[in-house]
Amino acid sequence: MDAVSEARTLAQSGLGLEEILAHLRSHGVDFGDSMWVLAKAGILPPGAAKKAVFDSLTWADRRGRHVAFHEDVVRIADDLAALTGPSQQSGDQVPVISDVPRRFGDQVPVVSAKPGVER
C-alpha cells in the first residue's frame, strides 16, 4: 500500500493527525512528503497540511533546520533581487547564480542569464 492510501486508511479508522504523521515518519516518509501525503489523501488542504506537519510533535526535532532553510532561501532571494534591480524588466542581462556570494562551496551549478550563453 502506498503512503497516500495508508494515510487515508489510518484517518478513516479514526487515528489522529499526530499518529498518522508518526506512522508515516516511521515508514520513511520525510518532512516535505508528509505534507504532500496529507493533502493528496484528502486529510487536509495543502496549506493546512504544511502547518500541521511543521507544528507537529512528530517533526519537532527538525523544525529548526526547516526554519533556517527557509530563512536562507529568503535571504538569497533578497540578494538576487538587490543584484538584478529594476533592469530585469527592460530585458538587460541579469547577474547569474555564480555571481551571488554563497556559503555552500563551489558545487553550485553555473546558470547563464540567457539561453545559449555560457559563463
N, C-alpha and C. Protein backbone atom coordinates (compact mmCIF):
# COMPACT_ATOMS: atom_id res chain seq x y z
N MET A 1 0.84 -1.17 0.00
CA MET A 1 0.00 0.00 0.00
C MET A 1 0.90 1.25 0.00
N ASP A 2 0.57 2.23 -0.82
CA ASP A 2 1.38 3.44 -0.88
C ASP A 2 1.04 4.35 0.30
N ALA A 3 1.88 5.35 0.55
CA ALA A 3 1.74 6.22 1.71
C ALA A 3 0.43 6.99 1.71
N VAL A 4 -0.04 7.42 0.54
CA VAL A 4 -1.29 8.17 0.46
C VAL A 4 -2.46 7.29 0.87
N SER A 5 -2.52 6.09 0.31
CA SER A 5 -3.60 5.15 0.66
C SER A 5 -3.53 4.77 2.13
N GLU A 6 -2.32 4.57 2.62
CA GLU A 6 -2.14 4.21 4.03
C GLU A 6 -2.64 5.33 4.94
N ALA A 7 -2.25 6.57 4.63
CA ALA A 7 -2.68 7.70 5.45
C ALA A 7 -4.20 7.85 5.43
N ARG A 8 -4.78 7.70 4.26
CA ARG A 8 -6.24 7.79 4.12
C ARG A 8 -6.92 6.71 4.97
N THR A 9 -6.42 5.49 4.90
CA THR A 9 -6.99 4.38 5.68
C THR A 9 -6.85 4.64 7.18
N LEU A 10 -5.70 5.14 7.59
CA LEU A 10 -5.49 5.44 9.01
C LEU A 10 -6.44 6.53 9.49
N ALA A 11 -6.63 7.57 8.67
CA ALA A 11 -7.56 8.65 9.03
C ALA A 11 -8.99 8.12 9.12
N GLN A 12 -9.37 7.28 8.17
CA GLN A 12 -10.73 6.72 8.16
C GLN A 12 -10.97 5.80 9.35
N SER A 13 -9.88 5.20 9.86
CA SER A 13 -10.03 4.31 11.02
C SER A 13 -10.07 5.08 12.33
N GLY A 14 -9.93 6.41 12.25
CA GLY A 14 -10.07 7.24 13.44
C GLY A 14 -8.77 7.68 14.08
N LEU A 15 -7.63 7.32 13.49
CA LEU A 15 -6.35 7.78 14.05
C LEU A 15 -6.25 9.29 13.91
N GLY A 16 -5.64 9.92 14.89
CA GLY A 16 -5.43 11.36 14.87
C GLY A 16 -4.26 11.75 13.97
N LEU A 17 -4.17 13.02 13.71
CA LEU A 17 -3.14 13.54 12.81
C LEU A 17 -1.73 13.22 13.30
N GLU A 18 -1.49 13.38 14.58
CA GLU A 18 -0.15 13.11 15.13
C GLU A 18 0.22 11.64 14.95
N GLU A 19 -0.73 10.76 15.16
CA GLU A 19 -0.47 9.33 14.99
C GLU A 19 -0.20 8.98 13.52
N ILE A 20 -0.93 9.62 12.64
CA ILE A 20 -0.71 9.40 11.20
C ILE A 20 0.69 9.88 10.80
N LEU A 21 1.07 11.06 11.28
CA LEU A 21 2.40 11.59 10.96
C LEU A 21 3.50 10.70 11.52
N ALA A 22 3.31 10.23 12.75
CA ALA A 22 4.31 9.34 13.36
C ALA A 22 4.43 8.04 12.56
N HIS A 23 3.30 7.51 12.11
CA HIS A 23 3.32 6.30 11.29
C HIS A 23 4.06 6.54 9.97
N LEU A 24 3.73 7.64 9.32
CA LEU A 24 4.39 7.96 8.05
C LEU A 24 5.90 8.09 8.24
N ARG A 25 6.30 8.82 9.28
CA ARG A 25 7.74 9.01 9.51
C ARG A 25 8.43 7.69 9.80
N SER A 26 7.79 6.84 10.60
CA SER A 26 8.41 5.55 10.94
C SER A 26 8.52 4.64 9.72
N HIS A 27 7.77 4.96 8.67
CA HIS A 27 7.84 4.19 7.43
C HIS A 27 8.61 4.93 6.33
N GLY A 28 9.43 5.91 6.72
CA GLY A 28 10.35 6.54 5.79
C GLY A 28 9.83 7.74 5.02
N VAL A 29 8.64 8.23 5.35
CA VAL A 29 8.11 9.41 4.66
C VAL A 29 8.72 10.64 5.33
N ASP A 30 9.40 11.48 4.54
CA ASP A 30 10.10 12.62 5.13
C ASP A 30 9.17 13.80 5.40
N PHE A 31 9.75 14.86 5.94
CA PHE A 31 9.02 16.06 6.36
C PHE A 31 8.17 16.64 5.23
N GLY A 32 8.80 16.95 4.11
CA GLY A 32 8.08 17.55 2.98
C GLY A 32 7.06 16.61 2.37
N ASP A 33 7.41 15.35 2.23
CA ASP A 33 6.47 14.38 1.66
C ASP A 33 5.28 14.14 2.57
N SER A 34 5.47 14.31 3.88
CA SER A 34 4.34 14.16 4.81
C SER A 34 3.26 15.20 4.51
N MET A 35 3.67 16.41 4.17
CA MET A 35 2.72 17.46 3.80
C MET A 35 1.94 17.04 2.56
N TRP A 36 2.68 16.57 1.57
CA TRP A 36 2.08 16.15 0.30
C TRP A 36 1.10 15.01 0.52
N VAL A 37 1.50 14.02 1.34
CA VAL A 37 0.66 12.85 1.59
C VAL A 37 -0.65 13.27 2.26
N LEU A 38 -0.58 14.13 3.29
CA LEU A 38 -1.80 14.57 3.96
C LEU A 38 -2.75 15.27 2.99
N ALA A 39 -2.19 16.10 2.12
CA ALA A 39 -3.03 16.82 1.15
C ALA A 39 -3.58 15.87 0.09
N LYS A 40 -2.72 15.02 -0.46
CA LYS A 40 -3.14 14.09 -1.52
C LYS A 40 -4.17 13.08 -1.01
N ALA A 41 -4.06 12.70 0.26
CA ALA A 41 -5.01 11.75 0.84
C ALA A 41 -6.34 12.41 1.18
N GLY A 42 -6.40 13.73 1.06
CA GLY A 42 -7.64 14.44 1.35
C GLY A 42 -7.87 14.65 2.84
N ILE A 43 -6.82 14.49 3.63
CA ILE A 43 -6.95 14.66 5.07
C ILE A 43 -6.99 16.15 5.43
N LEU A 44 -6.15 16.94 4.76
CA LEU A 44 -6.10 18.39 4.97
C LEU A 44 -5.82 19.07 3.64
N PRO A 45 -6.27 20.32 3.48
CA PRO A 45 -5.85 21.07 2.29
C PRO A 45 -4.36 21.38 2.39
N PRO A 46 -3.70 21.67 1.26
CA PRO A 46 -2.24 21.85 1.26
C PRO A 46 -1.70 22.82 2.30
N GLY A 47 -2.28 23.99 2.43
CA GLY A 47 -1.78 24.96 3.41
C GLY A 47 -1.89 24.46 4.84
N ALA A 48 -3.01 23.83 5.14
CA ALA A 48 -3.22 23.28 6.49
C ALA A 48 -2.29 22.09 6.74
N ALA A 49 -2.03 21.30 5.69
CA ALA A 49 -1.12 20.15 5.82
C ALA A 49 0.29 20.64 6.15
N LYS A 50 0.71 21.70 5.47
CA LYS A 50 2.05 22.26 5.72
C LYS A 50 2.16 22.72 7.17
N LYS A 51 1.16 23.46 7.64
CA LYS A 51 1.17 23.95 9.02
C LYS A 51 1.11 22.80 10.02
N ALA A 52 0.28 21.80 9.75
CA ALA A 52 0.14 20.67 10.67
C ALA A 52 1.45 19.91 10.82
N VAL A 53 2.13 19.66 9.71
CA VAL A 53 3.40 18.93 9.77
C VAL A 53 4.44 19.79 10.47
N PHE A 54 4.52 21.05 10.12
CA PHE A 54 5.51 21.95 10.73
C PHE A 54 5.30 22.05 12.24
N ASP A 55 4.06 22.12 12.68
CA ASP A 55 3.75 22.29 14.10
C ASP A 55 3.67 20.97 14.88
N SER A 56 3.81 19.84 14.20
CA SER A 56 3.61 18.55 14.86
C SER A 56 4.73 18.19 15.84
N LEU A 57 4.37 17.38 16.82
CA LEU A 57 5.36 16.83 17.73
C LEU A 57 6.26 15.83 17.00
N THR A 58 5.69 15.14 16.04
CA THR A 58 6.43 14.14 15.27
C THR A 58 7.66 14.74 14.60
N TRP A 59 7.54 15.96 14.11
CA TRP A 59 8.63 16.60 13.38
C TRP A 59 9.28 17.74 14.15
N ALA A 60 9.01 17.86 15.45
CA ALA A 60 9.55 18.96 16.25
C ALA A 60 11.08 19.00 16.23
N ASP A 61 11.71 17.84 16.14
CA ASP A 61 13.18 17.80 16.14
C ASP A 61 13.79 18.37 14.86
N ARG A 62 13.02 18.52 13.81
CA ARG A 62 13.53 19.03 12.53
C ARG A 62 13.11 20.48 12.26
N ARG A 63 12.25 21.02 13.10
CA ARG A 63 11.67 22.34 12.86
C ARG A 63 12.75 23.41 12.69
N GLY A 64 13.75 23.42 13.55
CA GLY A 64 14.81 24.42 13.48
C GLY A 64 15.55 24.39 12.14
N ARG A 65 15.82 23.21 11.63
CA ARG A 65 16.50 23.08 10.33
C ARG A 65 15.65 23.65 9.21
N HIS A 66 14.34 23.43 9.27
CA HIS A 66 13.46 23.92 8.21
C HIS A 66 13.30 25.43 8.28
N VAL A 67 13.26 25.98 9.49
CA VAL A 67 13.19 27.43 9.64
C VAL A 67 14.46 28.06 9.07
N ALA A 68 15.62 27.49 9.41
CA ALA A 68 16.89 28.01 8.91
C ALA A 68 16.96 27.93 7.39
N PHE A 69 16.49 26.82 6.83
CA PHE A 69 16.49 26.66 5.38
C PHE A 69 15.65 27.75 4.72
N HIS A 70 14.44 27.98 5.24
CA HIS A 70 13.56 28.99 4.65
C HIS A 70 14.14 30.40 4.81
N GLU A 71 14.80 30.66 5.93
CA GLU A 71 15.45 31.96 6.11
C GLU A 71 16.57 32.14 5.09
N ASP A 72 17.33 31.07 4.81
CA ASP A 72 18.38 31.13 3.79
C ASP A 72 17.79 31.41 2.41
N VAL A 73 16.68 30.76 2.09
CA VAL A 73 16.03 30.96 0.79
C VAL A 73 15.60 32.41 0.63
N VAL A 74 14.98 32.96 1.67
CA VAL A 74 14.53 34.35 1.62
C VAL A 74 15.72 35.29 1.47
N ARG A 75 16.79 35.03 2.23
CA ARG A 75 17.99 35.87 2.16
C ARG A 75 18.59 35.83 0.75
N ILE A 76 18.69 34.65 0.17
CA ILE A 76 19.25 34.51 -1.17
C ILE A 76 18.37 35.21 -2.20
N ALA A 77 17.05 35.07 -2.06
CA ALA A 77 16.13 35.76 -2.98
C ALA A 77 16.29 37.27 -2.86
N ASP A 78 16.43 37.76 -1.63
CA ASP A 78 16.65 39.20 -1.43
C ASP A 78 17.97 39.64 -2.06
N ASP A 79 19.02 38.82 -1.89
CA ASP A 79 20.32 39.14 -2.50
C ASP A 79 20.21 39.20 -4.03
N LEU A 80 19.50 38.24 -4.61
CA LEU A 80 19.32 38.23 -6.06
C LEU A 80 18.53 39.45 -6.52
N ALA A 81 17.49 39.80 -5.78
CA ALA A 81 16.69 40.97 -6.14
C ALA A 81 17.53 42.23 -6.08
N ALA A 82 18.40 42.34 -5.08
CA ALA A 82 19.26 43.51 -4.96
C ALA A 82 20.26 43.58 -6.11
N LEU A 83 20.74 42.42 -6.56
CA LEU A 83 21.71 42.39 -7.66
C LEU A 83 21.06 42.70 -9.01
N THR A 84 19.84 42.22 -9.20
CA THR A 84 19.21 42.39 -10.52
C THR A 84 18.57 43.75 -10.68
N GLY A 85 17.99 44.28 -9.61
CA GLY A 85 17.38 45.60 -9.68
C GLY A 85 16.28 45.68 -10.73
N PRO A 86 15.85 46.89 -11.05
CA PRO A 86 14.73 47.07 -11.98
C PRO A 86 15.09 46.80 -13.44
N SER A 87 16.37 46.66 -13.78
CA SER A 87 16.75 46.47 -15.18
C SER A 87 16.27 45.14 -15.74
N GLN A 88 15.88 44.21 -14.88
CA GLN A 88 15.44 42.90 -15.34
C GLN A 88 14.23 43.03 -16.27
N GLN A 89 13.36 43.98 -16.02
CA GLN A 89 12.18 44.14 -16.86
C GLN A 89 12.52 44.73 -18.22
N SER A 90 13.65 45.40 -18.34
CA SER A 90 14.00 46.01 -19.61
C SER A 90 14.66 45.02 -20.56
N GLY A 91 14.89 43.79 -20.11
CA GLY A 91 15.49 42.78 -20.97
C GLY A 91 17.00 42.75 -20.89
N ASP A 92 17.61 43.61 -20.05
CA ASP A 92 19.05 43.58 -19.88
C ASP A 92 19.47 42.26 -19.26
N GLN A 93 20.71 41.87 -19.51
CA GLN A 93 21.21 40.65 -18.91
C GLN A 93 21.32 40.87 -17.41
N VAL A 94 20.89 39.89 -16.64
CA VAL A 94 20.94 39.98 -15.18
C VAL A 94 22.06 39.09 -14.67
N PRO A 95 22.56 39.38 -13.46
CA PRO A 95 23.62 38.53 -12.90
C PRO A 95 23.18 37.07 -12.84
N VAL A 96 24.15 36.19 -12.90
CA VAL A 96 23.87 34.76 -12.85
C VAL A 96 24.11 34.23 -11.45
N ILE A 97 23.65 33.02 -11.21
CA ILE A 97 23.80 32.43 -9.88
C ILE A 97 25.25 32.43 -9.43
N SER A 98 26.19 32.21 -10.34
CA SER A 98 27.60 32.14 -9.95
C SER A 98 28.11 33.47 -9.42
N ASP A 99 27.40 34.59 -9.65
CA ASP A 99 27.82 35.89 -9.15
C ASP A 99 27.38 36.16 -7.72
N VAL A 100 26.53 35.31 -7.16
CA VAL A 100 25.97 35.53 -5.84
C VAL A 100 26.86 34.88 -4.78
N PRO A 101 27.24 35.63 -3.75
CA PRO A 101 28.03 35.01 -2.68
C PRO A 101 27.24 33.86 -2.07
N ARG A 102 27.95 32.80 -1.71
CA ARG A 102 27.26 31.65 -1.15
C ARG A 102 28.11 30.96 -0.11
N ARG A 103 27.45 30.23 0.77
CA ARG A 103 28.11 29.52 1.85
C ARG A 103 28.39 28.08 1.51
N PHE A 104 27.90 27.59 0.40
CA PHE A 104 27.89 26.15 0.15
C PHE A 104 29.04 25.67 -0.73
N GLY A 105 30.08 26.42 -0.88
CA GLY A 105 31.22 25.99 -1.67
C GLY A 105 31.00 26.19 -3.16
N ASP A 106 31.83 25.58 -3.95
CA ASP A 106 31.78 25.77 -5.39
C ASP A 106 30.97 24.71 -6.12
N GLN A 107 30.12 24.00 -5.44
CA GLN A 107 29.35 22.94 -6.06
C GLN A 107 28.03 23.43 -6.65
N VAL A 108 27.79 24.74 -6.62
CA VAL A 108 26.56 25.30 -7.17
C VAL A 108 26.72 25.39 -8.68
N PRO A 109 25.75 24.92 -9.45
CA PRO A 109 25.87 24.98 -10.91
C PRO A 109 25.88 26.43 -11.40
N VAL A 110 26.61 26.66 -12.46
CA VAL A 110 26.64 27.98 -13.08
C VAL A 110 25.51 28.03 -14.09
N VAL A 111 24.64 29.00 -13.92
CA VAL A 111 23.48 29.13 -14.79
C VAL A 111 23.59 30.43 -15.55
N SER A 112 23.41 30.35 -16.84
CA SER A 112 23.51 31.53 -17.68
C SER A 112 22.25 32.39 -17.58
N ALA A 113 22.41 33.70 -17.74
CA ALA A 113 21.26 34.60 -17.69
C ALA A 113 20.40 34.48 -18.94
N LYS A 114 20.97 34.09 -20.04
CA LYS A 114 20.21 33.97 -21.29
C LYS A 114 20.48 32.60 -21.90
N PRO A 115 19.49 32.00 -22.50
CA PRO A 115 19.70 30.68 -23.11
C PRO A 115 20.81 30.74 -24.15
N GLY A 116 21.64 29.72 -24.14
CA GLY A 116 22.73 29.62 -25.12
C GLY A 116 23.96 30.43 -24.78
N VAL A 117 23.98 31.14 -23.65
CA VAL A 117 25.13 31.95 -23.25
C VAL A 117 25.86 31.19 -22.17
N GLU A 118 27.10 30.83 -22.42
CA GLU A 118 27.90 30.12 -21.44
C GLU A 118 28.65 31.12 -20.57
N ARG A 119 28.84 30.78 -19.31
CA ARG A 119 29.63 31.61 -18.40
C ARG A 119 30.74 30.81 -17.81
